[in-house]
Amino acid sequence: MPKKKIKQKKITADQEVRELRRELRLMQHDVGYMKKHVDKLWEIGTESNRRLQDAEVQINLLSRLVVTLAIEKMNMRLSVLRRMIRRIEKDAITDSQIQQLESLYKLERPADADKKSKDLPADE
């Protein structure tokens, strides 16, 4: 059998240059687009950081207010207050760990599971 000749397109140097320039313009456009979005993300990150610092200051002030009220107005002893704070911290840590595990394993809430089990037909 005779071999088939593969026709190749002849690309001139001018066509190659035009194609490369077109690709260059597209890449420059993409880089400009990415720069705009990086700048916007930087602004969002800076704003979020500022808001986080403001929240930390507010939390610090509120915790000082609560301690002052507990000691001065409720006549709570410092040792009782410390025990209460430790217990609250342990409860908060436990709650956060449970929430973290639920998010990791995407567990359903018990109420949702009970509703689904009631909806399922009983095995006979």
PDB file of N, CA and C in Angstrom:
ATOM      1  N   MET A   1       0.835  -1.172   0.000  1.00  0.00           N
ATOM      2  CA  MET A   1       0.000   0.000   0.000  1.00  0.00           C
ATOM      3  C   MET A   1       0.889   1.247   0.000  1.00  0.00           C
ATOM      4  N   PRO A   2       0.494   2.190  -0.767  1.00  0.00           N
ATOM      5  CA  PRO A   2       1.291   3.424  -0.785  1.00  0.00           C
ATOM      6  C   PRO A   2       1.038   4.237   0.484  1.00  0.00           C
ATOM      7  N   LYS A   3       2.054   4.878   0.952  1.00  0.00           N
ATOM      8  CA  LYS A   3       1.939   5.708   2.152  1.00  0.00           C
ATOM      9  C   LYS A   3       1.206   6.995   1.803  1.00  0.00           C
ATOM     10  N   LYS A   4       0.343   7.411   2.748  1.00  0.00           N
ATOM     11  CA  LYS A   4      -0.391   8.655   2.556  1.00  0.00           C
ATOM     12  C   LYS A   4       0.507   9.813   2.944  1.00  0.00           C
ATOM     13  N   LYS A   5       0.480  10.795   2.147  1.00  0.00           N
ATOM     14  CA  LYS A   5       1.274  11.975   2.453  1.00  0.00           C
ATOM     15  C   LYS A   5       0.459  12.889   3.362  1.00  0.00           C
ATOM     16  N   ILE A   6       1.068  13.321   4.416  1.00  0.00           N
ATOM     17  CA  ILE A   6       0.422  14.222   5.350  1.00  0.00           C
ATOM     18  C   ILE A   6       0.734  15.643   4.914  1.00  0.00           C
ATOM     19  N   LYS A   7      -0.323  16.379   4.676  1.00  0.00           N
ATOM     20  CA  LYS A   7      -0.143  17.757   4.267  1.00  0.00           C
ATOM     21  C   LYS A   7       0.062  18.614   5.504  1.00  0.00           C
ATOM     22  N   GLN A   8       1.077  19.375   5.516  1.00  0.00           N
ATOM     23  CA  GLN A   8       1.356  20.268   6.620  1.00  0.00           C
ATOM     24  C   GLN A   8       1.066  21.687   6.174  1.00  0.00           C
ATOM     25  N   LYS A   9       0.475  22.432   7.105  1.00  0.00           N
ATOM     26  CA  LYS A   9       0.215  23.835   6.801  1.00  0.00           C
ATOM     27  C   LYS A   9       1.526  24.585   6.874  1.00  0.00           C
ATOM     28  N   LYS A  10       1.710  25.399   5.921  1.00  0.00           N
ATOM     29  CA  LYS A  10       2.900  26.235   5.953  1.00  0.00           C
ATOM     30  C   LYS A  10       2.530  27.520   6.687  1.00  0.00           C
ATOM     31  N   ILE A  11       3.222  27.749   7.778  1.00  0.00           N
ATOM     32  CA  ILE A  11       2.975  28.943   8.577  1.00  0.00           C
ATOM     33  C   ILE A  11       4.110  29.913   8.307  1.00  0.00           C
ATOM     34  N   THR A  12       3.714  31.070   7.898  1.00  0.00           N
ATOM     35  CA  THR A  12       4.735  32.074   7.628  1.00  0.00           C
ATOM     36  C   THR A  12       5.166  32.729   8.924  1.00  0.00           C
ATOM     37  N   ALA A  13       6.257  33.401   8.865  1.00  0.00           N
ATOM     38  CA  ALA A  13       6.793  34.065  10.052  1.00  0.00           C
ATOM     39  C   ALA A  13       5.841  35.152  10.522  1.00  0.00           C
ATOM     40  N   ASP A  14       5.195  35.853   9.604  1.00  0.00           N
ATOM     41  CA  ASP A  14       4.253  36.913   9.983  1.00  0.00           C
ATOM     42  C   ASP A  14       3.052  36.345  10.733  1.00  0.00           C
ATOM     43  N   GLN A  15       2.555  35.219  10.259  1.00  0.00           N
ATOM     44  CA  GLN A  15       1.428  34.583  10.934  1.00  0.00           C
ATOM     45  C   GLN A  15       1.828  34.121  12.335  1.00  0.00           C
ATOM     46  N   GLU A  16       3.008  33.598  12.453  1.00  0.00           N
ATOM     47  CA  GLU A  16       3.501  33.148  13.757  1.00  0.00           C
ATOM     48  C   GLU A  16       3.632  34.325  14.717  1.00  0.00           C
ATOM     49  N   VAL A  17       4.136  35.437  14.227  1.00  0.00           N
ATOM     50  CA  VAL A  17       4.290  36.642  15.054  1.00  0.00           C
ATOM     51  C   VAL A  17       2.921  37.156  15.491  1.00  0.00           C
ATOM     52  N   ARG A  18       1.945  37.178  14.564  1.00  0.00           N
ATOM     53  CA  ARG A  18       0.594  37.632  14.910  1.00  0.00           C
ATOM     54  C   ARG A  18      -0.026  36.744  15.987  1.00  0.00           C
ATOM     55  N   GLU A  19       0.163  35.448  15.818  1.00  0.00           N
ATOM     56  CA  GLU A  19      -0.388  34.504  16.791  1.00  0.00           C
ATOM     57  C   GLU A  19       0.249  34.704  18.165  1.00  0.00           C
ATOM     58  N   LEU A  20       1.554  34.892  18.207  1.00  0.00           N
ATOM     59  CA  LEU A  20       2.243  35.111  19.483  1.00  0.00           C
ATOM     60  C   LEU A  20       1.807  36.429  20.135  1.00  0.00           C
ATOM     61  N   ARG A  21       1.604  37.463  19.326  1.00  0.00           N
ATOM     62  CA  ARG A  21       1.145  38.746  19.870  1.00  0.00           C
ATOM     63  C   ARG A  21      -0.259  38.629  20.451  1.00  0.00           C
ATOM     64  N   ARG A  22      -1.111  37.875  19.759  1.00  0.00           N
ATOM     65  CA  ARG A  22      -2.470  37.662  20.255  1.00  0.00           C
ATOM     66  C   ARG A  22      -2.438  36.936  21.595  1.00  0.00           C
ATOM     67  N   GLU A  23      -1.617  35.906  21.683  1.00  0.00           N
ATOM     68  CA  GLU A  23      -1.481  35.161  22.941  1.00  0.00           C
ATOM     69  C   GLU A  23      -0.920  36.048  24.045  1.00  0.00           C
ATOM     70  N   LEU A  24       0.011  36.925  23.688  1.00  0.00           N
ATOM     71  CA  LEU A  24       0.596  37.847  24.652  1.00  0.00           C
ATOM     72  C   LEU A  24      -0.467  38.804  25.191  1.00  0.00           C
ATOM     73  N   ARG A  25      -1.312  39.339  24.300  1.00  0.00           N
ATOM     74  CA  ARG A  25      -2.386  40.237  24.744  1.00  0.00           C
ATOM     75  C   ARG A  25      -3.344  39.514  25.683  1.00  0.00           C
ATOM     76  N   LEU A  26      -3.686  38.276  25.345  1.00  0.00           N
ATOM     77  CA  LEU A  26      -4.581  37.502  26.217  1.00  0.00           C
ATOM     78  C   LEU A  26      -3.950  37.268  27.587  1.00  0.00           C
ATOM     79  N   MET A  27      -2.673  36.946  27.610  1.00  0.00           N
ATOM     80  CA  MET A  27      -1.987  36.716  28.880  1.00  0.00           C
ATOM     81  C   MET A  27      -1.896  38.000  29.692  1.00  0.00           C
ATOM     82  N   GLN A  28      -1.633  39.125  29.030  1.00  0.00           N
ATOM     83  CA  GLN A  28      -1.569  40.402  29.745  1.00  0.00           C
ATOM     84  C   GLN A  28      -2.926  40.749  30.343  1.00  0.00           C
ATOM     85  N   HIS A  29      -3.986  40.477  29.588  1.00  0.00           N
ATOM     86  CA  HIS A  29      -5.334  40.718  30.095  1.00  0.00           C
ATOM     87  C   HIS A  29      -5.591  39.848  31.334  1.00  0.00           C
ATOM     88  N   ASP A  30      -5.222  38.573  31.260  1.00  0.00           N
ATOM     89  CA  ASP A  30      -5.420  37.668  32.391  1.00  0.00           C
ATOM     90  C   ASP A  30      -4.620  38.110  33.607  1.00  0.00           C
ATOM     91  N   VAL A  31      -3.393  38.553  33.407  1.00  0.00           N
ATOM     92  CA  VAL A  31      -2.556  39.014  34.520  1.00  0.00           C
ATOM     93  C   VAL A  31      -3.174  40.262  35.156  1.00  0.00           C
ATOM     94  N   GLY A  32      -3.653  41.181  34.355  1.00  0.00           N
ATOM     95  CA  GLY A  32      -4.309  42.384  34.876  1.00  0.00           C
ATOM     96  C   GLY A  32      -5.554  42.038  35.685  1.00  0.00           C
ATOM     97  N   TYR A  33      -6.325  41.089  35.172  1.00  0.00           N
ATOM     98  CA  TYR A  33      -7.535  40.627  35.863  1.00  0.00           C
ATOM     99  C   TYR A  33      -7.172  40.032  37.217  1.00  0.00           C
ATOM    100  N   MET A  34      -6.128  39.206  37.240  1.00  0.00           N
ATOM    101  CA  MET A  34      -5.696  38.583  38.492  1.00  0.00           C
ATOM    102  C   MET A  34      -5.168  39.616  39.479  1.00  0.00           C
ATOM    103  N   LYS A  35      -4.442  40.620  38.975  1.00  0.00           N
ATOM    104  CA  LYS A  35      -3.923  41.681  39.862  1.00  0.00           C
ATOM    105  C   LYS A  35      -5.063  42.420  40.538  1.00  0.00           C
ATOM    106  N   LYS A  36      -6.125  42.725  39.775  1.00  0.00           N
ATOM    107  CA  LYS A  36      -7.269  43.421  40.357  1.00  0.00           C
ATOM    108  C   LYS A  36      -7.882  42.597  41.481  1.00  0.00           C
ATOM    109  N   HIS A  37      -8.026  41.306  41.233  1.00  0.00           N
ATOM    110  CA  HIS A  37      -8.648  40.452  42.242  1.00  0.00           C
ATOM    111  C   HIS A  37      -7.746  40.251  43.451  1.00  0.00           C
ATOM    112  N   VAL A  38      -6.455  40.175  43.244  1.00  0.00           N
ATOM    113  CA  VAL A  38      -5.533  40.063  44.379  1.00  0.00           C
ATOM    114  C   VAL A  38      -5.609  41.320  45.230  1.00  0.00           C
ATOM    115  N   ASP A  39      -5.664  42.485  44.596  1.00  0.00           N
ATOM    116  CA  ASP A  39      -5.796  43.741  45.337  1.00  0.00           C
ATOM    117  C   ASP A  39      -7.085  43.766  46.147  1.00  0.00           C
ATOM    118  N   LYS A  40      -8.166  43.312  45.522  1.00  0.00           N
ATOM    119  CA  LYS A  40      -9.447  43.294  46.226  1.00  0.00           C
ATOM    120  C   LYS A  40      -9.400  42.324  47.410  1.00  0.00           C
ATOM    121  N   LEU A  41      -8.800  41.166  47.213  1.00  0.00           N
ATOM    122  CA  LEU A  41      -8.661  40.203  48.307  1.00  0.00           C
ATOM    123  C   LEU A  41      -7.799  40.764  49.431  1.00  0.00           C
ATOM    124  N   TRP A  42      -6.762  41.496  49.076  1.00  0.00           N
ATOM    125  CA  TRP A  42      -5.895  42.111  50.085  1.00  0.00           C
ATOM    126  C   TRP A  42      -6.693  43.112  50.926  1.00  0.00           C
ATOM    127  N   GLU A  43      -7.531  43.922  50.254  1.00  0.00           N
ATOM    128  CA  GLU A  43      -8.362  44.878  50.976  1.00  0.00           C
ATOM    129  C   GLU A  43      -9.333  44.161  51.910  1.00  0.00           C
ATOM    130  N   ILE A  44      -9.943  43.084  51.432  1.00  0.00           N
ATOM    131  CA  ILE A  44     -10.883  42.326  52.259  1.00  0.00           C
ATOM    132  C   ILE A  44     -10.167  41.733  53.460  1.00  0.00           C
ATOM    133  N   GLY A  45      -8.961  41.199  53.241  1.00  0.00           N
ATOM    134  CA  GLY A  45      -8.190  40.624  54.345  1.00  0.00           C
ATOM    135  C   GLY A  45      -7.811  41.678  55.370  1.00  0.00           C
ATOM    136  N   THR A  46      -7.421  42.850  54.916  1.00  0.00           N
ATOM    137  CA  THR A  46      -7.067  43.943  55.824  1.00  0.00           C
ATOM    138  C   THR A  46      -8.278  44.378  56.639  1.00  0.00           C
ATOM    139  N   GLU A  47      -9.420  44.501  55.977  1.00  0.00           N
ATOM    140  CA  GLU A  47     -10.652  44.887  56.672  1.00  0.00           C
ATOM    141  C   GLU A  47     -11.058  43.825  57.694  1.00  0.00           C
ATOM    142  N   SER A  48     -10.935  42.570  57.331  1.00  0.00           N
ATOM    143  CA  SER A  48     -11.275  41.482  58.256  1.00  0.00           C
ATOM    144  C   SER A  48     -10.360  41.487  59.465  1.00  0.00           C
ATOM    145  N   ASN A  49      -9.089  41.744  59.235  1.00  0.00           N
ATOM    146  CA  ASN A  49      -8.123  41.802  60.341  1.00  0.00           C
ATOM    147  C   ASN A  49      -8.466  42.949  61.293  1.00  0.00           C
ATOM    148  N   ARG A  50      -8.832  44.100  60.737  1.00  0.00           N
ATOM    149  CA  ARG A  50      -9.213  45.243  61.569  1.00  0.00           C
ATOM    150  C   ARG A  50     -10.462  44.932  62.388  1.00  0.00           C
ATOM    151  N   ARG A  51     -11.436  44.299  61.754  1.00  0.00           N
ATOM    152  CA  ARG A  51     -12.674  43.946  62.465  1.00  0.00           C
ATOM    153  C   ARG A  51     -12.406  42.919  63.558  1.00  0.00           C
ATOM    154  N   LEU A  52     -11.500  41.985  63.298  1.00  0.00           N
ATOM    155  CA  LEU A  52     -11.144  40.995  64.311  1.00  0.00           C
ATOM    156  C   LEU A  52     -10.497  41.670  65.513  1.00  0.00           C
ATOM    157  N   GLN A  53      -9.613  42.616  65.268  1.00  0.00           N
ATOM    158  CA  GLN A  53      -8.981  43.343  66.371  1.00  0.00           C
ATOM    159  C   GLN A  53     -10.016  44.128  67.173  1.00  0.00           C
ATOM    160  N   ASP A  54     -10.976  44.746  66.484  1.00  0.00           N
ATOM    161  CA  ASP A  54     -12.039  45.464  67.185  1.00  0.00           C
ATOM    162  C   ASP A  54     -12.863  44.508  68.055  1.00  0.00           C
ATOM    163  N   ALA A  55     -13.153  43.330  67.527  1.00  0.00           N
ATOM    164  CA  ALA A  55     -13.918  42.339  68.292  1.00  0.00           C
ATOM    165  C   ALA A  55     -13.125  41.871  69.517  1.00  0.00           C
ATOM    166  N   GLU A  56     -11.823  41.686  69.367  1.00  0.00           N
ATOM    167  CA  GLU A  56     -10.997  41.284  70.504  1.00  0.00           C
ATOM    168  C   GLU A  56     -11.020  42.347  71.600  1.00  0.00           C
ATOM    169  N   VAL A  57     -10.961  43.618  71.221  1.00  0.00           N
ATOM    170  CA  VAL A  57     -11.012  44.700  72.204  1.00  0.00           C
ATOM    171  C   VAL A  57     -12.361  44.695  72.915  1.00  0.00           C
ATOM    172  N   GLN A  58     -13.439  44.530  72.157  1.00  0.00           N
ATOM    173  CA  GLN A  58     -14.775  44.507  72.764  1.00  0.00           C
ATOM    174  C   GLN A  58     -14.928  43.340  73.732  1.00  0.00           C
ATOM    175  N   ILE A  59     -14.434  42.171  73.347  1.00  0.00           N
ATOM    176  CA  ILE A  59     -14.522  40.997  74.216  1.00  0.00           C
ATOM    177  C   ILE A  59     -13.723  41.216  75.490  1.00  0.00           C
ATOM    178  N   ASN A  60     -12.547  41.801  75.359  1.00  0.00           N
ATOM    179  CA  ASN A  60     -11.723  42.090  76.527  1.00  0.00           C
ATOM    180  C   ASN A  60     -12.450  43.042  77.477  1.00  0.00           C
ATOM    181  N   LEU A  61     -13.046  44.104  76.937  1.00  0.00           N
ATOM    182  CA  LEU A  61     -13.780  45.060  77.775  1.00  0.00           C
ATOM    183  C   LEU A  61     -14.982  44.407  78.451  1.00  0.00           C
ATOM    184  N   LEU A  62     -15.714  43.600  77.703  1.00  0.00           N
ATOM    185  CA  LEU A  62     -16.887  42.932  78.280  1.00  0.00           C
ATOM    186  C   LEU A  62     -16.502  41.939  79.376  1.00  0.00           C
ATOM    187  N   SER A  63     -15.412  41.220  79.173  1.00  0.00           N
ATOM    188  CA  SER A  63     -14.989  40.269  80.209  1.00  0.00           C
ATOM    189  C   SER A  63     -14.559  41.004  81.471  1.00  0.00           C
ATOM    190  N   ARG A  64     -13.887  42.134  81.326  1.00  0.00           N
ATOM    191  CA  ARG A  64     -13.512  42.935  82.499  1.00  0.00           C
ATOM    192  C   ARG A  64     -14.746  43.469  83.207  1.00  0.00           C
ATOM    193  N   LEU A  65     -15.746  43.890  82.434  1.00  0.00           N
ATOM    194  CA  LEU A  65     -16.981  44.390  83.016  1.00  0.00           C
ATOM    195  C   LEU A  65     -17.692  43.297  83.807  1.00  0.00           C
ATOM    196  N   VAL A  66     -17.771  42.102  83.246  1.00  0.00           N
ATOM    197  CA  VAL A  66     -18.440  40.992  83.921  1.00  0.00           C
ATOM    198  C   VAL A  66     -17.713  40.641  85.217  1.00  0.00           C
ATOM    199  N   VAL A  67     -16.396  40.595  85.193  1.00  0.00           N
ATOM    200  CA  VAL A  67     -15.631  40.283  86.407  1.00  0.00           C
ATOM    201  C   VAL A  67     -15.854  41.365  87.464  1.00  0.00           C
ATOM    202  N   THR A  68     -15.824  42.618  87.047  1.00  0.00           N
ATOM    203  CA  THR A  68     -16.035  43.718  87.993  1.00  0.00           C
ATOM    204  C   THR A  68     -17.425  43.645  88.612  1.00  0.00           C
ATOM    205  N   LEU A  69     -18.440  43.390  87.781  1.00  0.00           N
ATOM    206  CA  LEU A  69     -19.802  43.286  88.301  1.00  0.00           C
ATOM    207  C   LEU A  69     -19.948  42.107  89.263  1.00  0.00           C
ATOM    208  N   ALA A  70     -19.339  40.996  88.901  1.00  0.00           N
ATOM    209  CA  ALA A  70     -19.448  39.813  89.750  1.00  0.00           C
ATOM    210  C   ALA A  70     -18.800  40.043  91.112  1.00  0.00           C
ATOM    211  N   ILE A  71     -17.660  40.685  91.132  1.00  0.00           N
ATOM    212  CA  ILE A  71     -16.937  40.878  92.393  1.00  0.00           C
ATOM    213  C   ILE A  71     -17.577  42.003  93.218  1.00  0.00           C
ATOM    214  N   GLU A  72     -17.827  43.144  92.601  1.00  0.00           N
ATOM    215  CA  GLU A  72     -18.273  44.299  93.372  1.00  0.00           C
ATOM    216  C   GLU A  72     -19.770  44.296  93.655  1.00  0.00           C
ATOM    217  N   LYS A  73     -20.597  43.982  92.690  1.00  0.00           N
ATOM    218  CA  LYS A  73     -22.048  44.117  92.869  1.00  0.00           C
ATOM    219  C   LYS A  73     -22.698  42.835  93.396  1.00  0.00           C
ATOM    220  N   MET A  74     -22.156  41.684  92.987  1.00  0.00           N
ATOM    221  CA  MET A  74     -22.755  40.428  93.430  1.00  0.00           C
ATOM    222  C   MET A  74     -22.027  39.860  94.643  1.00  0.00           C
ATOM    223  N   ASN A  75     -21.007  40.552  95.113  1.00  0.00           N
ATOM    224  CA  ASN A  75     -20.221  40.136  96.270  1.00  0.00           C
ATOM    225  C   ASN A  75     -19.707  38.705  96.130  1.00  0.00           C
ATOM    226  N   MET A  76     -19.272  38.366  94.941  1.00  0.00           N
ATOM    227  CA  MET A  76     -18.758  37.020  94.675  1.00  0.00           C
ATOM    228  C   MET A  76     -17.283  36.989  95.037  1.00  0.00           C
ATOM    229  N   ARG A  77     -16.898  35.920  95.710  1.00  0.00           N
ATOM    230  CA  ARG A  77     -15.479  35.793  96.045  1.00  0.00           C
ATOM    231  C   ARG A  77     -14.694  35.441  94.790  1.00  0.00           C
ATOM    232  N   LEU A  78     -13.435  35.827  94.794  1.00  0.00           N
ATOM    233  CA  LEU A  78     -12.574  35.625  93.636  1.00  0.00           C
ATOM    234  C   LEU A  78     -12.382  34.141  93.330  1.00  0.00           C
ATOM    235  N   SER A  79     -12.260  33.315  94.363  1.00  0.00           N
ATOM    236  CA  SER A  79     -12.061  31.876  94.139  1.00  0.00           C
ATOM    237  C   SER A  79     -13.290  31.248  93.481  1.00  0.00           C
ATOM    238  N   VAL A  80     -14.475  31.668  93.896  1.00  0.00           N
ATOM    239  CA  VAL A  80     -15.709  31.152  93.289  1.00  0.00           C
ATOM    240  C   VAL A  80     -15.789  31.582  91.831  1.00  0.00           C
ATOM    241  N   LEU A  81     -15.430  32.817  91.594  1.00  0.00           N
ATOM    242  CA  LEU A  81     -15.444  33.324  90.219  1.00  0.00           C
ATOM    243  C   LEU A  81     -14.458  32.564  89.337  1.00  0.00           C
ATOM    244  N   ARG A  82     -13.272  32.293  89.863  1.00  0.00           N
ATOM    245  CA  ARG A  82     -12.284  31.526  89.091  1.00  0.00           C
ATOM    246  C   ARG A  82     -12.795  30.131  88.757  1.00  0.00           C
ATOM    247  N   ARG A  83     -13.407  29.460  89.753  1.00  0.00           N
ATOM    248  CA  ARG A  83     -13.957  28.116  89.501  1.00  0.00           C
ATOM    249  C   ARG A  83     -15.041  28.171  88.423  1.00  0.00           C
ATOM    250  N   MET A  84     -15.884  29.196  88.510  1.00  0.00           N
ATOM    251  CA  MET A  84     -16.960  29.343  87.528  1.00  0.00           C
ATOM    252  C   MET A  84     -16.383  29.577  86.132  1.00  0.00           C
ATOM    253  N   ILE A  85     -15.354  30.406  86.045  1.00  0.00           N
ATOM    254  CA  ILE A  85     -14.722  30.684  84.749  1.00  0.00           C
ATOM    255  C   ILE A  85     -14.091  29.423  84.177  1.00  0.00           C
ATOM    256  N   ARG A  86     -13.406  28.641  85.019  1.00  0.00           N
ATOM    257  CA  ARG A  86     -12.810  27.380  84.543  1.00  0.00           C
ATOM    258  C   ARG A  86     -13.875  26.424  84.029  1.00  0.00           C
ATOM    259  N   ARG A  87     -14.986  26.316  84.752  1.00  0.00           N
ATOM    260  CA  ARG A  87     -16.069  25.424  84.334  1.00  0.00           C
ATOM    261  C   ARG A  87     -16.659  25.886  83.007  1.00  0.00           C
ATOM    262  N   ILE A  88     -16.830  27.196  82.847  1.00  0.00           N
ATOM    263  CA  ILE A  88     -17.362  27.736  81.593  1.00  0.00           C
ATOM    264  C   ILE A  88     -16.388  27.481  80.449  1.00  0.00           C
ATOM    265  N   GLU A  89     -15.084  27.647  80.698  1.00  0.00           N
ATOM    266  CA  GLU A  89     -14.080  27.375  79.663  1.00  0.00           C
ATOM    267  C   GLU A  89     -14.104  25.915  79.248  1.00  0.00           C
ATOM    268  N   LYS A  90     -14.213  24.998  80.215  1.00  0.00           N
ATOM    269  CA  LYS A  90     -14.277  23.568  79.886  1.00  0.00           C
ATOM    270  C   LYS A  90     -15.513  23.260  79.048  1.00  0.00           C
ATOM    271  N   ASP A  91     -16.653  23.844  79.442  1.00  0.00           N
ATOM    272  CA  ASP A  91     -17.880  23.625  78.672  1.00  0.00           C
ATOM    273  C   ASP A  91     -17.741  24.166  77.254  1.00  0.00           C
ATOM    274  N   ALA A  92     -17.127  25.331  77.122  1.00  0.00           N
ATOM    275  CA  ALA A  92     -16.950  25.929  75.791  1.00  0.00           C
ATOM    276  C   ALA A  92     -16.029  25.077  74.932  1.00  0.00           C
ATOM    277  N   ILE A  93     -14.955  24.564  75.530  1.00  0.00           N
ATOM    278  CA  ILE A  93     -14.030  23.703  74.780  1.00  0.00           C
ATOM    279  C   ILE A  93     -14.735  22.430  74.348  1.00  0.00           C
ATOM    280  N   THR A  94     -15.507  21.835  75.253  1.00  0.00           N
ATOM    281  CA  THR A  94     -16.248  20.617  74.915  1.00  0.00           C
ATOM    282  C   THR A  94     -17.230  20.883  73.780  1.00  0.00           C
ATOM    283  N   ASP A  95     -17.968  21.997  73.875  1.00  0.00           N
ATOM    284  CA  ASP A  95     -18.933  22.339  72.821  1.00  0.00           C
ATOM    285  C   ASP A  95     -18.236  22.552  71.479  1.00  0.00           C
ATOM    286  N   SER A  96     -17.102  23.239  71.504  1.00  0.00           N
ATOM    287  CA  SER A  96     -16.400  23.498  70.241  1.00  0.00           C
ATOM    288  C   SER A  96     -15.849  22.207  69.652  1.00  0.00           C
ATOM    289  N   GLN A  97     -15.390  21.289  70.517  1.00  0.00           N
ATOM    290  CA  GLN A  97     -14.894  20.015  70.008  1.00  0.00           C
ATOM    291  C   GLN A  97     -16.020  19.197  69.401  1.00  0.00           C
ATOM    292  N   ILE A  98     -17.188  19.225  70.009  1.00  0.00           N
ATOM    293  CA  ILE A  98     -18.341  18.503  69.460  1.00  0.00           C
ATOM    294  C   ILE A  98     -18.733  19.101  68.108  1.00  0.00           C
ATOM    295  N   GLN A  99     -18.772  20.430  68.035  1.00  0.00           N
ATOM    296  CA  GLN A  99     -19.112  21.079  66.765  1.00  0.00           C
ATOM    297  C   GLN A  99     -18.085  20.757  65.691  1.00  0.00           C
ATOM    298  N   GLN A 100     -16.813  20.703  66.086  1.00  0.00           N
ATOM    299  CA  GLN A 100     -15.765  20.387  65.121  1.00  0.00           C
ATOM    300  C   GLN A 100     -15.924  18.959  64.604  1.00  0.00           C
ATOM    301  N   LEU A 101     -16.203  18.023  65.512  1.00  0.00           N
ATOM    302  CA  LEU A 101     -16.401  16.641  65.079  1.00  0.00           C
ATOM    303  C   LEU A 101     -17.634  16.511  64.198  1.00  0.00           C
ATOM    304  N   GLU A 102     -18.701  17.220  64.555  1.00  0.00           N
ATOM    305  CA  GLU A 102     -19.901  17.167  63.725  1.00  0.00           C
ATOM    306  C   GLU A 102     -19.628  17.704  62.330  1.00  0.00           C
ATOM    307  N   SER A 103     -18.862  18.776  62.251  1.00  0.00           N
ATOM    308  CA  SER A 103     -18.564  19.321  60.934  1.00  0.00           C
ATOM    309  C   SER A 103     -17.640  18.393  60.153  1.00  0.00           C
ATOM    310  N   LEU A 104     -16.737  17.699  60.854  1.00  0.00           N
ATOM    311  CA  LEU A 104     -15.845  16.773  60.159  1.00  0.00           C
ATOM    312  C   LEU A 104     -16.606  15.577  59.598  1.00  0.00           C
ATOM    313  N   TYR A 105     -17.486  15.046  60.389  1.00  0.00           N
ATOM    314  CA  TYR A 105     -18.204  13.847  59.977  1.00  0.00           C
ATOM    315  C   TYR A 105     -19.602  14.138  59.448  1.00  0.00           C
ATOM    316  N   LYS A 106     -19.971  15.424  59.461  1.00  0.00           N
ATOM    317  CA  LYS A 106     -21.278  15.852  58.965  1.00  0.00           C
ATOM    318  C   LYS A 106     -22.403  15.019  59.568  1.00  0.00           C
ATOM    319  N   LEU A 107     -22.372  14.953  60.890  1.00  0.00           N
ATOM    320  CA  LEU A 107     -23.401  14.199  61.595  1.00  0.00           C
ATOM    321  C   LEU A 107     -24.707  14.976  61.609  1.00  0.00           C
ATOM    322  N   GLU A 108     -25.792  14.247  61.617  1.00  0.00           N
ATOM    323  CA  GLU A 108     -27.094  14.879  61.720  1.00  0.00           C
ATOM    324  C   GLU A 108     -27.372  15.164  63.187  1.00  0.00           C
ATOM    325  N   ARG A 109     -28.221  16.119  63.408  1.00  0.00           N
ATOM    326  CA  ARG A 109     -28.640  16.402  64.776  1.00  0.00           C
ATOM    327  C   ARG A 109     -29.584  15.295  65.222  1.00  0.00           C
ATOM    328  N   PRO A 110     -29.628  14.970  66.513  1.00  0.00           N
ATOM    329  CA  PRO A 110     -30.505  13.891  66.991  1.00  0.00           C
ATOM    330  C   PRO A 110     -31.972  14.109  66.639  1.00  0.00           C
ATOM    331  N   ALA A 111     -32.456  15.340  66.671  1.00  0.00           N
ATOM    332  CA  ALA A 111     -33.857  15.609  66.342  1.00  0.00           C
ATOM    333  C   ALA A 111     -34.135  15.248  64.889  1.00  0.00           C
ATOM    334  N   ASP A 112     -33.205  15.573  63.987  1.00  0.00           N
ATOM    335  CA  ASP A 112     -33.376  15.241  62.575  1.00  0.00           C
ATOM    336  C   ASP A 112     -33.368  13.729  62.367  1.00  0.00           C
ATOM    337  N   ALA A 113     -32.509  13.034  63.096  1.00  0.00           N
ATOM    338  CA  ALA A 113     -32.423  11.580  62.965  1.00  0.00           C
ATOM    339  C   ALA A 113     -33.714  10.922  63.455  1.00  0.00           C
ATOM    340  N   ASP A 114     -34.299  11.460  64.544  1.00  0.00           N
ATOM    341  CA  ASP A 114     -35.550  10.906  65.062  1.00  0.00           C
ATOM    342  C   ASP A 114     -36.680  11.086  64.062  1.00  0.00           C
ATOM    343  N   LYS A 115     -36.725  12.258  63.424  1.00  0.00           N
ATOM    344  CA  LYS A 115     -37.767  12.511  62.427  1.00  0.00           C
ATOM    345  C   LYS A 115     -37.641  11.555  61.255  1.00  0.00           C
ATOM    346  N   LYS A 116     -36.405  11.318  60.801  1.00  0.00           N
ATOM    347  CA  LYS A 116     -36.207  10.413  59.668  1.00  0.00           C
ATOM    348  C   LYS A 116     -36.548   8.975  60.026  1.00  0.00           C
ATOM    349  N   SER A 117     -36.209   8.569  61.256  1.00  0.00           N
ATOM    350  CA  SER A 117     -36.506   7.196  61.662  1.00  0.00           C
ATOM    351  C   SER A 117     -38.005   6.985  61.786  1.00  0.00           C
ATOM    352  N   LYS A 118     -38.765   8.030  62.156  1.00  0.00           N
ATOM    353  CA  LYS A 118     -40.212   7.908  62.236  1.00  0.00           C
ATOM    354  C   LYS A 118     -40.839   7.836  60.850  1.00  0.00           C
ATOM    355  N   ASP A 119     -40.206   8.507  59.888  1.00  0.00           N
ATOM    356  CA  ASP A 119     -40.717   8.505  58.516  1.00  0.00           C
ATOM    357  C   ASP A 119     -40.486   7.174  57.807  1.00  0.00           C
ATOM    358  N   LEU A 120     -39.481   6.422  58.224  1.00  0.00           N
ATOM    359  CA  LEU A 120     -39.171   5.151  57.585  1.00  0.00           C
ATOM    360  C   LEU A 120     -40.198   4.104  57.997  1.00  0.00           C
ATOM    361  N   PRO A 121     -40.595   3.207  57.077  1.00  0.00           N
ATOM    362  CA  PRO A 121     -41.542   2.151  57.437  1.00  0.00           C
ATOM    363  C   PRO A 121     -40.893   1.147  58.395  1.00  0.00           C
ATOM    364  N   ALA A 122     -41.669   0.638  59.285  1.00  0.00           N
ATOM    365  CA  ALA A 122     -41.165  -0.301  60.291  1.00  0.00           C
ATOM    366  C   ALA A 122     -40.938  -1.658  59.639  1.00  0.00           C
ATOM    367  N   ASP A 123     -39.866  -2.326  60.062  1.00  0.00           N
ATOM    368  CA  ASP A 123     -39.567  -3.671  59.534  1.00  0.00           C
ATOM    369  C   ASP A 123     -40.490  -4.672  60.218  1.00  0.00           C
ATOM    370  N   GLU A 124     -41.074  -5.536  59.443  1.00  0.00           N
ATOM    371  CA  GLU A 124     -41.980  -6.539  60.002  1.00  0.00           C
ATOM    372  C   GLU A 124     -41.373  -7.893  59.954  1.00  0.00           C
TER     373      GLU A 124
END
